[in-house]
Amino acid sequence: MSLAYAECPLDIRESLAAQYFVDAIRDEDTQHSTRLMDAKDLKSALAYSIKYEAARTVSKTSKHVRCLEVEDDSKKKEKG
């Protein structure tokens, strides 16, 4: 990156690297969210996308819930 844009200022190169990184993200939701974050450098874009993926993974695992039916044994004992 630095060789291809050797004459560009460092902040411009960092911004381009962040844009290229976001463009390369395969997951559409992660890419969209990271793009909206408007990262100015590669490090912050990477950190945000990792946090976003981790939060999505945790959210997915908590959705697996089963319903249980609880019987009250105290009423059976009173009748018996």
Protein backbone atom coordinates (compact mmCIF):
# COMPACT_ATOMS: atom_id res chain seq x y z
CA MET A 1 0.00 0.00 0.00
CA SER A 2 2.73 2.46 0.94
CA LEU A 3 4.69 1.72 -2.26
CA ALA A 4 1.67 2.15 -4.51
CA TYR A 5 0.77 5.49 -2.95
CA ALA A 6 4.24 6.63 -1.87
CA GLU A 7 3.56 10.30 -2.54
CA CYS A 8 0.22 10.41 -0.70
CA PRO A 9 0.09 11.68 2.87
CA LEU A 10 -0.11 9.05 5.60
CA ASP A 11 -3.68 9.91 6.59
CA ILE A 12 -4.87 9.40 3.01
CA ARG A 13 -3.12 6.01 2.82
CA GLU A 14 -4.67 4.97 6.14
CA SER A 15 -8.11 6.00 4.91
CA LEU A 16 -7.67 4.04 1.67
CA ALA A 17 -6.51 0.95 3.57
CA ALA A 18 -9.62 1.15 5.78
CA GLN A 19 -11.86 1.49 2.71
CA TYR A 20 -10.22 -1.49 0.99
CA PHE A 21 -10.62 -3.54 4.16
CA VAL A 22 -14.32 -2.72 4.44
CA ASP A 23 -14.83 -3.54 0.75
CA ALA A 24 -13.26 -6.97 1.31
CA ILE A 25 -15.60 -7.98 4.17
CA ARG A 26 -17.78 -10.82 2.85
CA ASP A 27 -20.63 -10.64 5.35
CA GLU A 28 -23.02 -7.92 4.18
CA ASP A 29 -24.24 -6.93 7.67
CA THR A 30 -20.71 -6.60 9.02
CA GLN A 31 -19.60 -4.68 5.95
CA HIS A 32 -22.55 -2.31 6.15
CA SER A 33 -22.12 -1.69 9.87
CA THR A 34 -18.37 -1.13 9.54
CA ARG A 35 -18.90 1.23 6.63
CA LEU A 36 -21.41 3.27 8.67
CA MET A 37 -18.86 3.51 11.47
CA ASP A 38 -16.74 5.58 9.05
CA ALA A 39 -13.34 4.43 10.30
CA LYS A 40 -10.47 6.74 9.49
CA ASP A 41 -7.77 4.06 9.66
CA LEU A 42 -7.34 0.32 9.22
CA LYS A 43 -6.80 -0.39 12.92
CA SER A 44 -10.12 1.14 14.02
CA ALA A 45 -12.03 -0.52 11.15
CA LEU A 46 -10.60 -3.91 12.09
CA ALA A 47 -11.30 -3.43 15.81
CA TYR A 48 -14.90 -2.39 15.14
CA SER A 49 -15.62 -5.28 12.76
CA ILE A 50 -14.22 -7.81 15.26
CA LYS A 51 -16.39 -6.36 18.04
CA TYR A 52 -19.44 -6.40 15.76
CA GLU A 53 -18.88 -10.05 14.79
CA ALA A 54 -18.38 -11.04 18.44
CA ALA A 55 -21.59 -9.29 19.48
CA ARG A 56 -23.53 -10.99 16.67
CA THR A 57 -22.16 -14.40 17.63
CA VAL A 58 -23.15 -13.94 21.28
CA SER A 59 -26.61 -12.72 20.29
CA LYS A 60 -27.20 -15.76 18.09
CA THR A 61 -26.38 -18.27 20.82
CA SER A 62 -28.82 -16.78 23.31
CA LYS A 63 -31.82 -17.30 21.01
CA HIS A 64 -31.95 -21.07 21.52
CA VAL A 65 -34.56 -21.32 24.28
CA ARG A 66 -37.03 -24.09 25.05
CA CYS A 67 -40.35 -23.79 26.83
CA LEU A 68 -40.94 -25.84 29.95
CA GLU A 69 -44.19 -26.70 31.64
CA VAL A 70 -43.96 -26.89 35.43
CA GLU A 71 -46.41 -28.96 37.44
CA ASP A 72 -47.36 -27.95 40.96
CA ASP A 73 -47.03 -31.04 43.18
CA SER A 74 -48.46 -29.31 46.26
CA LYS A 75 -52.05 -29.54 44.93
CA LYS A 76 -51.67 -33.30 44.36
CA LYS A 77 -50.54 -33.82 47.97
CA GLU A 78 -53.55 -31.88 49.35
CA LYS A 79 -56.01 -34.06 47.38
CA GLY A 80 -54.30 -37.35 48.27
